[in-house]
Amino acid sequence: MLIADRSPHFRETLRRVLADYLQCVVVGEAGTLAEAVRLARSSHPAVALLDVDLVIGQPPTTLRRVADSFPDLQVLVMLNEDSVDYRRAVAERWGYACIVKDEAENELARVISAIRPVAA
């Protein structure tokens, strides 16, 4: 699993939750979209947790090119706040699932268990 978020503290918290409670292996952490892409190319994670703030403001062509480069990568977009409209926009634009940062620990357990068979 790859964690991409601007906050080193949040990445460390997610790493601990994923390792301790969900027995997931984190293969890398990134603070920018460019760093996440580089790590994804070198470590080939099955799943990436991607902070929505890293993709907001990026041109759609850039995001589509990144997505097309990793067709087998499962991406979970982490939202700062939950809204049906935001989840719908992410799903329609990129086809990715969403989780809310404030509820990440609980949502990750649910989502990871659902995608584990796919990632295996």
PDB file of N, CA and C in Angstrom:
ATOM      1  N   MET A   1       0.843  -1.166   0.000  1.00  0.00           N
ATOM      2  CA  MET A   1       0.000   0.000   0.000  1.00  0.00           C
ATOM      3  C   MET A   1       0.892   1.234   0.000  1.00  0.00           C
ATOM      4  N   LEU A   2       0.444   2.255  -0.708  1.00  0.00           N
ATOM      5  CA  LEU A   2       1.136   3.538  -0.789  1.00  0.00           C
ATOM      6  C   LEU A   2       0.252   4.599  -0.146  1.00  0.00           C
ATOM      7  N   ILE A   3       0.849   5.442   0.709  1.00  0.00           N
ATOM      8  CA  ILE A   3       0.116   6.532   1.349  1.00  0.00           C
ATOM      9  C   ILE A   3       0.629   7.834   0.766  1.00  0.00           C
ATOM     10  N   ALA A   4      -0.283   8.659   0.225  1.00  0.00           N
ATOM     11  CA  ALA A   4       0.088   9.958  -0.328  1.00  0.00           C
ATOM     12  C   ALA A   4      -0.757  11.041   0.339  1.00  0.00           C
ATOM     13  N   ASP A   5      -0.097  11.841   1.182  1.00  0.00           N
ATOM     14  CA  ASP A   5      -0.765  12.907   1.910  1.00  0.00           C
ATOM     15  C   ASP A   5       0.280  13.964   2.242  1.00  0.00           C
ATOM     16  N   ARG A   6      -0.135  15.223   2.257  1.00  0.00           N
ATOM     17  CA  ARG A   6       0.804  16.310   2.551  1.00  0.00           C
ATOM     18  C   ARG A   6       1.347  16.273   3.971  1.00  0.00           C
ATOM     19  N   SER A   7       0.595  15.736   4.893  1.00  0.00           N
ATOM     20  CA  SER A   7       0.971  15.755   6.305  1.00  0.00           C
ATOM     21  C   SER A   7       1.784  14.519   6.701  1.00  0.00           C
ATOM     22  N   PRO A   8       3.049  14.712   7.075  1.00  0.00           N
ATOM     23  CA  PRO A   8       3.851  13.571   7.550  1.00  0.00           C
ATOM     24  C   PRO A   8       3.225  12.905   8.780  1.00  0.00           C
ATOM     25  N   HIS A   9       2.624  13.708   9.660  1.00  0.00           N
ATOM     26  CA  HIS A   9       1.993  13.154  10.858  1.00  0.00           C
ATOM     27  C   HIS A   9       0.817  12.252  10.482  1.00  0.00           C
ATOM     28  N   PHE A  10      -0.021  12.705   9.552  1.00  0.00           N
ATOM     29  CA  PHE A  10      -1.161  11.890   9.134  1.00  0.00           C
ATOM     30  C   PHE A  10      -0.681  10.603   8.448  1.00  0.00           C
ATOM     31  N   ARG A  11       0.367  10.713   7.619  1.00  0.00           N
ATOM     32  CA  ARG A  11       0.909   9.509   6.960  1.00  0.00           C
ATOM     33  C   ARG A  11       1.395   8.507   7.999  1.00  0.00           C
ATOM     34  N   GLU A  12       2.091   8.980   9.027  1.00  0.00           N
ATOM     35  CA  GLU A  12       2.593   8.083  10.080  1.00  0.00           C
ATOM     36  C   GLU A  12       1.444   7.430  10.834  1.00  0.00           C
ATOM     37  N   THR A  13       0.402   8.200  11.119  1.00  0.00           N
ATOM     38  CA  THR A  13      -0.765   7.632  11.805  1.00  0.00           C
ATOM     39  C   THR A  13      -1.409   6.549  10.947  1.00  0.00           C
ATOM     40  N   LEU A  14      -1.591   6.832   9.664  1.00  0.00           N
ATOM     41  CA  LEU A  14      -2.167   5.829   8.771  1.00  0.00           C
ATOM     42  C   LEU A  14      -1.288   4.592   8.684  1.00  0.00           C
ATOM     43  N   ARG A  15       0.021   4.801   8.583  1.00  0.00           N
ATOM     44  CA  ARG A  15       0.948   3.668   8.523  1.00  0.00           C
ATOM     45  C   ARG A  15       0.765   2.763   9.742  1.00  0.00           C
ATOM     46  N   ARG A  16       0.690   3.377  10.925  1.00  0.00           N
ATOM     47  CA  ARG A  16       0.522   2.603  12.154  1.00  0.00           C
ATOM     48  C   ARG A  16      -0.802   1.844  12.158  1.00  0.00           C
ATOM     49  N   VAL A  17      -1.887   2.520  11.786  1.00  0.00           N
ATOM     50  CA  VAL A  17      -3.197   1.871  11.753  1.00  0.00           C
ATOM     51  C   VAL A  17      -3.188   0.710  10.770  1.00  0.00           C
ATOM     52  N   LEU A  18      -2.644   0.948   9.593  1.00  0.00           N
ATOM     53  CA  LEU A  18      -2.621  -0.100   8.573  1.00  0.00           C
ATOM     54  C   LEU A  18      -1.787  -1.294   9.013  1.00  0.00           C
ATOM     55  N   ALA A  19      -0.634  -1.041   9.598  1.00  0.00           N
ATOM     56  CA  ALA A  19       0.247  -2.139  10.009  1.00  0.00           C
ATOM     57  C   ALA A  19      -0.283  -2.861  11.250  1.00  0.00           C
ATOM     58  N   ASP A  20      -0.639  -2.089  12.277  1.00  0.00           N
ATOM     59  CA  ASP A  20      -1.017  -2.691  13.556  1.00  0.00           C
ATOM     60  C   ASP A  20      -2.385  -3.342  13.561  1.00  0.00           C
ATOM     61  N   TYR A  21      -3.346  -2.698  12.923  1.00  0.00           N
ATOM     62  CA  TYR A  21      -4.718  -3.180  13.030  1.00  0.00           C
ATOM     63  C   TYR A  21      -5.214  -3.933  11.799  1.00  0.00           C
ATOM     64  N   LEU A  22      -4.657  -3.619  10.655  1.00  0.00           N
ATOM     65  CA  LEU A  22      -5.164  -4.229   9.427  1.00  0.00           C
ATOM     66  C   LEU A  22      -4.141  -5.134   8.748  1.00  0.00           C
ATOM     67  N   GLN A  23      -2.962  -5.287   9.344  1.00  0.00           N
ATOM     68  CA  GLN A  23      -1.902  -6.131   8.817  1.00  0.00           C
ATOM     69  C   GLN A  23      -1.581  -5.853   7.347  1.00  0.00           C
ATOM     70  N   CYS A  24      -1.561  -4.582   6.986  1.00  0.00           N
ATOM     71  CA  CYS A  24      -1.205  -4.168   5.629  1.00  0.00           C
ATOM     72  C   CYS A  24       0.255  -3.726   5.609  1.00  0.00           C
ATOM     73  N   VAL A  25       0.910  -3.968   4.507  1.00  0.00           N
ATOM     74  CA  VAL A  25       2.287  -3.524   4.331  1.00  0.00           C
ATOM     75  C   VAL A  25       2.279  -2.216   3.550  1.00  0.00           C
ATOM     76  N   VAL A  26       2.865  -1.188   4.131  1.00  0.00           N
ATOM     77  CA  VAL A  26       2.984   0.107   3.464  1.00  0.00           C
ATOM     78  C   VAL A  26       4.338   0.124   2.766  1.00  0.00           C
ATOM     79  N   VAL A  27       4.318   0.251   1.440  1.00  0.00           N
ATOM     80  CA  VAL A  27       5.557   0.208   0.655  1.00  0.00           C
ATOM     81  C   VAL A  27       6.158   1.585   0.431  1.00  0.00           C
ATOM     82  N   GLY A  28       5.409   2.638   0.762  1.00  0.00           N
ATOM     83  CA  GLY A  28       5.953   3.970   0.594  1.00  0.00           C
ATOM     84  C   GLY A  28       5.001   5.041   1.044  1.00  0.00           C
ATOM     85  N   GLU A  29       5.579   6.225   1.300  1.00  0.00           N
ATOM     86  CA  GLU A  29       4.816   7.403   1.686  1.00  0.00           C
ATOM     87  C   GLU A  29       5.250   8.563   0.812  1.00  0.00           C
ATOM     88  N   ALA A  30       4.285   9.366   0.388  1.00  0.00           N
ATOM     89  CA  ALA A  30       4.575  10.502  -0.483  1.00  0.00           C
ATOM     90  C   ALA A  30       3.857  11.741   0.027  1.00  0.00           C
ATOM     91  N   GLY A  31       4.490  12.902  -0.176  1.00  0.00           N
ATOM     92  CA  GLY A  31       3.898  14.168   0.220  1.00  0.00           C
ATOM     93  C   GLY A  31       3.377  14.988  -0.942  1.00  0.00           C
ATOM     94  N   THR A  32       3.658  14.506  -2.179  1.00  0.00           N
ATOM     95  CA  THR A  32       3.186  15.193  -3.389  1.00  0.00           C
ATOM     96  C   THR A  32       2.687  14.156  -4.377  1.00  0.00           C
ATOM     97  N   LEU A  33       1.924  14.621  -5.359  1.00  0.00           N
ATOM     98  CA  LEU A  33       1.449  13.709  -6.402  1.00  0.00           C
ATOM     99  C   LEU A  33       2.622  13.163  -7.207  1.00  0.00           C
ATOM    100  N   ALA A  34       3.596  14.010  -7.531  1.00  0.00           N
ATOM    101  CA  ALA A  34       4.761  13.557  -8.307  1.00  0.00           C
ATOM    102  C   ALA A  34       5.534  12.481  -7.551  1.00  0.00           C
ATOM    103  N   GLU A  35       5.702  12.666  -6.253  1.00  0.00           N
ATOM    104  CA  GLU A  35       6.401  11.670  -5.443  1.00  0.00           C
ATOM    105  C   GLU A  35       5.600  10.370  -5.379  1.00  0.00           C
ATOM    106  N   ALA A  36       4.279  10.474  -5.284  1.00  0.00           N
ATOM    107  CA  ALA A  36       3.427   9.286  -5.255  1.00  0.00           C
ATOM    108  C   ALA A  36       3.558   8.497  -6.557  1.00  0.00           C
ATOM    109  N   VAL A  37       3.578   9.195  -7.677  1.00  0.00           N
ATOM    110  CA  VAL A  37       3.718   8.531  -8.975  1.00  0.00           C
ATOM    111  C   VAL A  37       5.067   7.820  -9.046  1.00  0.00           C
ATOM    112  N   ARG A  38       6.133   8.497  -8.616  1.00  0.00           N
ATOM    113  CA  ARG A  38       7.467   7.890  -8.638  1.00  0.00           C
ATOM    114  C   ARG A  38       7.510   6.633  -7.765  1.00  0.00           C
ATOM    115  N   LEU A  39       6.952   6.709  -6.565  1.00  0.00           N
ATOM    116  CA  LEU A  39       6.933   5.554  -5.672  1.00  0.00           C
ATOM    117  C   LEU A  39       6.069   4.422  -6.220  1.00  0.00           C
ATOM    118  N   ALA A  40       4.959   4.770  -6.834  1.00  0.00           N
ATOM    119  CA  ALA A  40       4.091   3.736  -7.416  1.00  0.00           C
ATOM    120  C   ALA A  40       4.819   2.992  -8.535  1.00  0.00           C
ATOM    121  N   ARG A  41       5.589   3.718  -9.321  1.00  0.00           N
ATOM    122  CA  ARG A  41       6.350   3.073 -10.405  1.00  0.00           C
ATOM    123  C   ARG A  41       7.422   2.134  -9.858  1.00  0.00           C
ATOM    124  N   SER A  42       8.049   2.517  -8.747  1.00  0.00           N
ATOM    125  CA  SER A  42       9.149   1.710  -8.225  1.00  0.00           C
ATOM    126  C   SER A  42       8.696   0.595  -7.293  1.00  0.00           C
ATOM    127  N   SER A  43       7.577   0.781  -6.597  1.00  0.00           N
ATOM    128  CA  SER A  43       7.175  -0.222  -5.600  1.00  0.00           C
ATOM    129  C   SER A  43       5.964  -1.057  -6.002  1.00  0.00           C
ATOM    130  N   HIS A  44       5.235  -0.654  -7.024  1.00  0.00           N
ATOM    131  CA  HIS A  44       4.092  -1.409  -7.552  1.00  0.00           C
ATOM    132  C   HIS A  44       3.074  -1.803  -6.471  1.00  0.00           C
ATOM    133  N   PRO A  45       2.544  -0.818  -5.729  1.00  0.00           N
ATOM    134  CA  PRO A  45       1.560  -1.163  -4.705  1.00  0.00           C
ATOM    135  C   PRO A  45       0.243  -1.615  -5.332  1.00  0.00           C
ATOM    136  N   ALA A  46      -0.511  -2.404  -4.591  1.00  0.00           N
ATOM    137  CA  ALA A  46      -1.833  -2.829  -5.055  1.00  0.00           C
ATOM    138  C   ALA A  46      -2.869  -1.750  -4.772  1.00  0.00           C
ATOM    139  N   VAL A  47      -2.619  -0.956  -3.700  1.00  0.00           N
ATOM    140  CA  VAL A  47      -3.572   0.054  -3.261  1.00  0.00           C
ATOM    141  C   VAL A  47      -2.822   1.343  -2.943  1.00  0.00           C
ATOM    142  N   ALA A  48      -3.431   2.478  -3.291  1.00  0.00           N
ATOM    143  CA  ALA A  48      -2.883   3.782  -2.924  1.00  0.00           C
ATOM    144  C   ALA A  48      -3.947   4.592  -2.200  1.00  0.00           C
ATOM    145  N   LEU A  49      -3.567   5.165  -1.066  1.00  0.00           N
ATOM    146  CA  LEU A  49      -4.420   6.105  -0.350  1.00  0.00           C
ATOM    147  C   LEU A  49      -3.948   7.488  -0.770  1.00  0.00           C
ATOM    148  N   LEU A  50      -4.809   8.243  -1.434  1.00  0.00           N
ATOM    149  CA  LEU A  50      -4.423   9.507  -2.051  1.00  0.00           C
ATOM    150  C   LEU A  50      -5.239  10.661  -1.476  1.00  0.00           C
ATOM    151  N   ASP A  51      -4.564  11.619  -0.857  1.00  0.00           N
ATOM    152  CA  ASP A  51      -5.217  12.805  -0.314  1.00  0.00           C
ATOM    153  C   ASP A  51      -5.802  13.618  -1.454  1.00  0.00           C
ATOM    154  N   VAL A  52      -7.061  13.980  -1.345  1.00  0.00           N
ATOM    155  CA  VAL A  52      -7.733  14.744  -2.398  1.00  0.00           C
ATOM    156  C   VAL A  52      -7.021  16.066  -2.658  1.00  0.00           C
ATOM    157  N   ASP A  53      -6.385  16.647  -1.635  1.00  0.00           N
ATOM    158  CA  ASP A  53      -5.685  17.914  -1.815  1.00  0.00           C
ATOM    159  C   ASP A  53      -4.510  17.800  -2.791  1.00  0.00           C
ATOM    160  N   LEU A  54      -3.978  16.605  -2.974  1.00  0.00           N
ATOM    161  CA  LEU A  54      -2.871  16.417  -3.907  1.00  0.00           C
ATOM    162  C   LEU A  54      -3.336  16.441  -5.360  1.00  0.00           C
ATOM    163  N   VAL A  55      -4.619  16.204  -5.586  1.00  0.00           N
ATOM    164  CA  VAL A  55      -5.115  16.171  -6.966  1.00  0.00           C
ATOM    165  C   VAL A  55      -5.956  17.379  -7.336  1.00  0.00           C
ATOM    166  N   ILE A  56      -6.466  18.102  -6.318  1.00  0.00           N
ATOM    167  CA  ILE A  56      -7.236  19.311  -6.613  1.00  0.00           C
ATOM    168  C   ILE A  56      -6.309  20.324  -7.275  1.00  0.00           C
ATOM    169  N   GLY A  57      -6.770  20.889  -8.336  1.00  0.00           N
ATOM    170  CA  GLY A  57      -5.975  21.877  -9.049  1.00  0.00           C
ATOM    171  C   GLY A  57      -5.106  21.291 -10.148  1.00  0.00           C
ATOM    172  N   GLN A  58      -4.989  19.964 -10.168  1.00  0.00           N
ATOM    173  CA  GLN A  58      -4.237  19.323 -11.245  1.00  0.00           C
ATOM    174  C   GLN A  58      -5.107  19.309 -12.502  1.00  0.00           C
ATOM    175  N   PRO A  59      -4.523  19.530 -13.661  1.00  0.00           N
ATOM    176  CA  PRO A  59      -5.317  19.459 -14.891  1.00  0.00           C
ATOM    177  C   PRO A  59      -5.883  18.042 -15.083  1.00  0.00           C
ATOM    178  N   PRO A  60      -7.114  17.935 -15.556  1.00  0.00           N
ATOM    179  CA  PRO A  60      -7.708  16.615 -15.781  1.00  0.00           C
ATOM    180  C   PRO A  60      -6.851  15.716 -16.672  1.00  0.00           C
ATOM    181  N   THR A  61      -6.170  16.294 -17.642  1.00  0.00           N
ATOM    182  CA  THR A  61      -5.327  15.468 -18.519  1.00  0.00           C
ATOM    183  C   THR A  61      -4.177  14.841 -17.750  1.00  0.00           C
ATOM    184  N   THR A  62      -3.613  15.571 -16.801  1.00  0.00           N
ATOM    185  CA  THR A  62      -2.534  15.024 -15.974  1.00  0.00           C
ATOM    186  C   THR A  62      -3.047  13.866 -15.138  1.00  0.00           C
ATOM    187  N   LEU A  63      -4.200  14.069 -14.493  1.00  0.00           N
ATOM    188  CA  LEU A  63      -4.756  13.018 -13.645  1.00  0.00           C
ATOM    189  C   LEU A  63      -5.145  11.788 -14.459  1.00  0.00           C
ATOM    190  N   ARG A  64      -5.688  11.989 -15.642  1.00  0.00           N
ATOM    191  CA  ARG A  64      -6.064  10.857 -16.485  1.00  0.00           C
ATOM    192  C   ARG A  64      -4.811  10.097 -16.930  1.00  0.00           C
ATOM    193  N   ARG A  65      -3.746  10.826 -17.273  1.00  0.00           N
ATOM    194  CA  ARG A  65      -2.489  10.190 -17.688  1.00  0.00           C
ATOM    195  C   ARG A  65      -1.901   9.361 -16.530  1.00  0.00           C
ATOM    196  N   VAL A  66      -1.953   9.918 -15.324  1.00  0.00           N
ATOM    197  CA  VAL A  66      -1.468   9.181 -14.149  1.00  0.00           C
ATOM    198  C   VAL A  66      -2.311   7.930 -13.942  1.00  0.00           C
ATOM    199  N   ALA A  67      -3.632   8.080 -13.987  1.00  0.00           N
ATOM    200  CA  ALA A  67      -4.524   6.932 -13.793  1.00  0.00           C
ATOM    201  C   ALA A  67      -4.289   5.869 -14.856  1.00  0.00           C
ATOM    202  N   ASP A  68      -4.110   6.282 -16.098  1.00  0.00           N
ATOM    203  CA  ASP A  68      -3.884   5.326 -17.179  1.00  0.00           C
ATOM    204  C   ASP A  68      -2.552   4.601 -17.045  1.00  0.00           C
ATOM    205  N   SER A  69      -1.588   5.221 -16.357  1.00  0.00           N
ATOM    206  CA  SER A  69      -0.283   4.595 -16.157  1.00  0.00           C
ATOM    207  C   SER A  69      -0.343   3.435 -15.168  1.00  0.00           C
ATOM    208  N   PHE A  70      -1.382   3.409 -14.346  1.00  0.00           N
ATOM    209  CA  PHE A  70      -1.509   2.389 -13.302  1.00  0.00           C
ATOM    210  C   PHE A  70      -2.895   1.748 -13.356  1.00  0.00           C
ATOM    211  N   PRO A  71      -3.191   1.010 -14.415  1.00  0.00           N
ATOM    212  CA  PRO A  71      -4.551   0.481 -14.574  1.00  0.00           C
ATOM    213  C   PRO A  71      -4.971  -0.512 -13.492  1.00  0.00           C
ATOM    214  N   ASP A  72      -4.029  -1.193 -12.854  1.00  0.00           N
ATOM    215  CA  ASP A  72      -4.377  -2.194 -11.841  1.00  0.00           C
ATOM    216  C   ASP A  72      -4.341  -1.639 -10.418  1.00  0.00           C
ATOM    217  N   LEU A  73      -3.951  -0.398 -10.263  1.00  0.00           N
ATOM    218  CA  LEU A  73      -3.831   0.199  -8.936  1.00  0.00           C
ATOM    219  C   LEU A  73      -5.205   0.600  -8.407  1.00  0.00           C
ATOM    220  N   GLN A  74      -5.538   0.094  -7.228  1.00  0.00           N
ATOM    221  CA  GLN A  74      -6.771   0.489  -6.545  1.00  0.00           C
ATOM    222  C   GLN A  74      -6.468   1.783  -5.811  1.00  0.00           C
ATOM    223  N   VAL A  75      -7.258   2.835  -6.045  1.00  0.00           N
ATOM    224  CA  VAL A  75      -7.021   4.123  -5.414  1.00  0.00           C
ATOM    225  C   VAL A  75      -8.192   4.473  -4.510  1.00  0.00           C
ATOM    226  N   LEU A  76      -7.856   4.856  -3.274  1.00  0.00           N
ATOM    227  CA  LEU A  76      -8.840   5.360  -2.335  1.00  0.00           C
ATOM    228  C   LEU A  76      -8.510   6.823  -2.105  1.00  0.00           C
ATOM    229  N   VAL A  77      -9.414   7.710  -2.473  1.00  0.00           N
ATOM    230  CA  VAL A  77      -9.201   9.139  -2.297  1.00  0.00           C
ATOM    231  C   VAL A  77      -9.672   9.520  -0.900  1.00  0.00           C
ATOM    232  N   MET A  78      -8.776  10.174  -0.151  1.00  0.00           N
ATOM    233  CA  MET A  78      -9.094  10.594   1.208  1.00  0.00           C
ATOM    234  C   MET A  78      -9.630  12.026   1.179  1.00  0.00           C
ATOM    235  N   LEU A  79     -10.862  12.188   1.652  1.00  0.00           N
ATOM    236  CA  LEU A  79     -11.533  13.485   1.665  1.00  0.00           C
ATOM    237  C   LEU A  79     -11.386  14.152   3.025  1.00  0.00           C
ATOM    238  N   ASN A  80     -11.274  15.478   3.022  1.00  0.00           N
ATOM    239  CA  ASN A  80     -11.225  16.238   4.277  1.00  0.00           C
ATOM    240  C   ASN A  80     -12.599  16.338   4.911  1.00  0.00           C
ATOM    241  N   GLU A  81     -13.615  16.410   4.080  1.00  0.00           N
ATOM    242  CA  GLU A  81     -14.983  16.447   4.584  1.00  0.00           C
ATOM    243  C   GLU A  81     -15.857  15.611   3.658  1.00  0.00           C
ATOM    244  N   ASP A  82     -16.863  15.028   4.248  1.00  0.00           N
ATOM    245  CA  ASP A  82     -17.714  14.118   3.493  1.00  0.00           C
ATOM    246  C   ASP A  82     -18.882  14.869   2.869  1.00  0.00           C
ATOM    247  N   SER A  83     -19.148  14.533   1.625  1.00  0.00           N
ATOM    248  CA  SER A  83     -20.360  15.025   0.983  1.00  0.00           C
ATOM    249  C   SER A  83     -20.674  14.086  -0.173  1.00  0.00           C
ATOM    250  N   VAL A  84     -21.946  13.907  -0.398  1.00  0.00           N
ATOM    251  CA  VAL A  84     -22.375  13.053  -1.501  1.00  0.00           C
ATOM    252  C   VAL A  84     -21.860  13.616  -2.826  1.00  0.00           C
ATOM    253  N   ASP A  85     -21.910  14.938  -2.959  1.00  0.00           N
ATOM    254  CA  ASP A  85     -21.454  15.563  -4.200  1.00  0.00           C
ATOM    255  C   ASP A  85     -19.971  15.327  -4.440  1.00  0.00           C
ATOM    256  N   TYR A  86     -19.162  15.435  -3.384  1.00  0.00           N
ATOM    257  CA  TYR A  86     -17.727  15.218  -3.533  1.00  0.00           C
ATOM    258  C   TYR A  86     -17.436  13.767  -3.902  1.00  0.00           C
ATOM    259  N   ARG A  87     -18.081  12.831  -3.221  1.00  0.00           N
ATOM    260  CA  ARG A  87     -17.876  11.409  -3.529  1.00  0.00           C
ATOM    261  C   ARG A  87     -18.294  11.118  -4.973  1.00  0.00           C
ATOM    262  N   ARG A  88     -19.415  11.680  -5.391  1.00  0.00           N
ATOM    263  CA  ARG A  88     -19.894  11.461  -6.755  1.00  0.00           C
ATOM    264  C   ARG A  88     -18.911  12.038  -7.773  1.00  0.00           C
ATOM    265  N   ALA A  89     -18.396  13.232  -7.501  1.00  0.00           N
ATOM    266  CA  ALA A  89     -17.454  13.872  -8.424  1.00  0.00           C
ATOM    267  C   ALA A  89     -16.185  13.042  -8.569  1.00  0.00           C
ATOM    268  N   VAL A  90     -15.660  12.531  -7.460  1.00  0.00           N
ATOM    269  CA  VAL A  90     -14.463  11.687  -7.525  1.00  0.00           C
ATOM    270  C   VAL A  90     -14.759  10.414  -8.301  1.00  0.00           C
ATOM    271  N   ALA A  91     -15.887   9.778  -8.008  1.00  0.00           N
ATOM    272  CA  ALA A  91     -16.240   8.529  -8.693  1.00  0.00           C
ATOM    273  C   ALA A  91     -16.444   8.740 -10.188  1.00  0.00           C
ATOM    274  N   GLU A  92     -17.126   9.815 -10.546  1.00  0.00           N
ATOM    275  CA  GLU A  92     -17.387  10.067 -11.967  1.00  0.00           C
ATOM    276  C   GLU A  92     -16.126  10.472 -12.713  1.00  0.00           C
ATOM    277  N   ARG A  93     -15.299  11.265 -12.078  1.00  0.00           N
ATOM    278  CA  ARG A  93     -14.109  11.778 -12.760  1.00  0.00           C
ATOM    279  C   ARG A  93     -13.013  10.728 -12.873  1.00  0.00           C
ATOM    280  N   TRP A  94     -12.774   9.985 -11.758  1.00  0.00           N
ATOM    281  CA  TRP A  94     -11.659   9.043 -11.769  1.00  0.00           C
ATOM    282  C   TRP A  94     -12.067   7.608 -11.511  1.00  0.00           C
ATOM    283  N   GLY A  95     -13.279   7.375 -11.043  1.00  0.00           N
ATOM    284  CA  GLY A  95     -13.720   6.018 -10.749  1.00  0.00           C
ATOM    285  C   GLY A  95     -13.124   5.459  -9.472  1.00  0.00           C
ATOM    286  N   TYR A  96     -12.672   6.338  -8.582  1.00  0.00           N
ATOM    287  CA  TYR A  96     -12.036   5.895  -7.347  1.00  0.00           C
ATOM    288  C   TYR A  96     -13.022   5.919  -6.189  1.00  0.00           C
ATOM    289  N   ALA A  97     -12.760   5.074  -5.205  1.00  0.00           N
ATOM    290  CA  ALA A  97     -13.542   5.082  -3.976  1.00  0.00           C
ATOM    291  C   ALA A  97     -13.021   6.187  -3.066  1.00  0.00           C
ATOM    292  N   CYS A  98     -13.837   6.614  -2.111  1.00  0.00           N
ATOM    293  CA  CYS A  98     -13.467   7.681  -1.191  1.00  0.00           C
ATOM    294  C   CYS A  98     -13.598   7.214   0.251  1.00  0.00           C
ATOM    295  N   ILE A  99     -12.747   7.778   1.097  1.00  0.00           N
ATOM    296  CA  ILE A  99     -12.897   7.650   2.538  1.00  0.00           C
ATOM    297  C   ILE A  99     -12.713   9.044   3.119  1.00  0.00           C
ATOM    298  N   VAL A 100     -13.238   9.260   4.313  1.00  0.00           N
ATOM    299  CA  VAL A 100     -13.125  10.554   4.978  1.00  0.00           C
ATOM    300  C   VAL A 100     -12.004  10.460   6.005  1.00  0.00           C
ATOM    301  N   LYS A 101     -11.106  11.446   5.992  1.00  0.00           N
ATOM    302  CA  LYS A 101      -9.945  11.409   6.879  1.00  0.00           C
ATOM    303  C   LYS A 101     -10.326  11.267   8.347  1.00  0.00           C
ATOM    304  N   ASP A 102     -11.327  12.007   8.798  1.00  0.00           N
ATOM    305  CA  ASP A 102     -11.720  11.954  10.213  1.00  0.00           C
ATOM    306  C   ASP A 102     -12.200  10.568  10.637  1.00  0.00           C
ATOM    307  N   GLU A 103     -12.648   9.794   9.669  1.00  0.00           N
ATOM    308  CA  GLU A 103     -13.165   8.462   9.954  1.00  0.00           C
ATOM    309  C   GLU A 103     -12.291   7.386   9.318  1.00  0.00           C
ATOM    310  N   ALA A 104     -11.045   7.739   9.003  1.00  0.00           N
ATOM    311  CA  ALA A 104     -10.175   6.851   8.241  1.00  0.00           C
ATOM    312  C   ALA A 104      -9.983   5.494   8.901  1.00  0.00           C
ATOM    313  N   GLU A 105      -9.765   5.475  10.207  1.00  0.00           N
ATOM    314  CA  GLU A 105      -9.510   4.199  10.869  1.00  0.00           C
ATOM    315  C   GLU A 105     -10.672   3.230  10.683  1.00  0.00           C
ATOM    316  N   ASN A 106     -11.891   3.710  10.901  1.00  0.00           N
ATOM    317  CA  ASN A 106     -13.067   2.848  10.745  1.00  0.00           C
ATOM    318  C   ASN A 106     -13.335   2.528   9.279  1.00  0.00           C
ATOM    319  N   GLU A 107     -13.237   3.524   8.416  1.00  0.00           N
ATOM    320  CA  GLU A 107     -13.516   3.300   6.995  1.00  0.00           C
ATOM    321  C   GLU A 107     -12.463   2.408   6.355  1.00  0.00           C
ATOM    322  N   LEU A 108     -11.209   2.559   6.760  1.00  0.00           N
ATOM    323  CA  LEU A 108     -10.151   1.734   6.171  1.00  0.00           C
ATOM    324  C   LEU A 108     -10.389   0.256   6.437  1.00  0.00           C
ATOM    325  N   ALA A 109     -10.804  -0.070   7.646  1.00  0.00           N
ATOM    326  CA  ALA A 109     -11.068  -1.476   7.961  1.00  0.00           C
ATOM    327  C   ALA A 109     -12.121  -2.044   7.016  1.00  0.00           C
ATOM    328  N   ARG A 110     -13.173  -1.288   6.786  1.00  0.00           N
ATOM    329  CA  ARG A 110     -14.250  -1.737   5.897  1.00  0.00           C
ATOM    330  C   ARG A 110     -13.764  -1.836   4.451  1.00  0.00           C
ATOM    331  N   VAL A 111     -13.099  -0.796   3.979  1.00  0.00           N
ATOM    332  CA  VAL A 111     -12.681  -0.755   2.575  1.00  0.00           C
ATOM    333  C   VAL A 111     -11.575  -1.773   2.295  1.00  0.00           C
ATOM    334  N   ILE A 112     -10.603  -1.870   3.190  1.00  0.00           N
ATOM    335  CA  ILE A 112      -9.493  -2.821   2.994  1.00  0.00           C
ATOM    336  C   ILE A 112     -10.022  -4.246   2.924  1.00  0.00           C
ATOM    337  N   SER A 113     -10.954  -4.580   3.785  1.00  0.00           N
ATOM    338  CA  SER A 113     -11.495  -5.945   3.757  1.00  0.00           C
ATOM    339  C   SER A 113     -12.238  -6.197   2.441  1.00  0.00           C
ATOM    340  N   ALA A 114     -12.839  -5.158   1.883  1.00  0.00           N
ATOM    341  CA  ALA A 114     -13.562  -5.330   0.618  1.00  0.00           C
ATOM    342  C   ALA A 114     -12.609  -5.463  -0.563  1.00  0.00           C
ATOM    343  N   ILE A 115     -11.472  -4.732  -0.537  1.00  0.00           N
ATOM    344  CA  ILE A 115     -10.580  -4.782  -1.698  1.00  0.00           C
ATOM    345  C   ILE A 115      -9.476  -5.813  -1.566  1.00  0.00           C
ATOM    346  N   ARG A 116      -9.260  -6.358  -0.383  1.00  0.00           N
ATOM    347  CA  ARG A 116      -8.186  -7.340  -0.195  1.00  0.00           C
ATOM    348  C   ARG A 116      -8.265  -8.495  -1.201  1.00  0.00           C
ATOM    349  N   PRO A 117      -9.437  -9.110  -1.413  1.00  0.00           N
ATOM    350  CA  PRO A 117      -9.493 -10.193  -2.412  1.00  0.00           C
ATOM    351  C   PRO A 117      -9.124  -9.723  -3.804  1.00  0.00           C
ATOM    352  N   VAL A 118      -9.469  -8.490  -4.144  1.00  0.00           N
ATOM    353  CA  VAL A 118      -9.143  -7.945  -5.462  1.00  0.00           C
ATOM    354  C   VAL A 118      -7.657  -7.731  -5.581  1.00  0.00           C
ATOM    355  N   ALA A 119      -7.034  -7.182  -4.513  1.00  0.00           N
ATOM    356  CA  ALA A 119      -5.600  -6.877  -4.543  1.00  0.00           C
ATOM    357  C   ALA A 119      -4.757  -8.150  -4.512  1.00  0.00           C
ATOM    358  N   ALA A 120      -5.279  -9.210  -3.947  1.00  0.00           N
ATOM    359  CA  ALA A 120      -4.520 -10.467  -3.852  1.00  0.00           C
ATOM    360  C   ALA A 120      -4.478 -11.129  -5.180  1.00  0.00           C
TER     361      ALA A 120
END
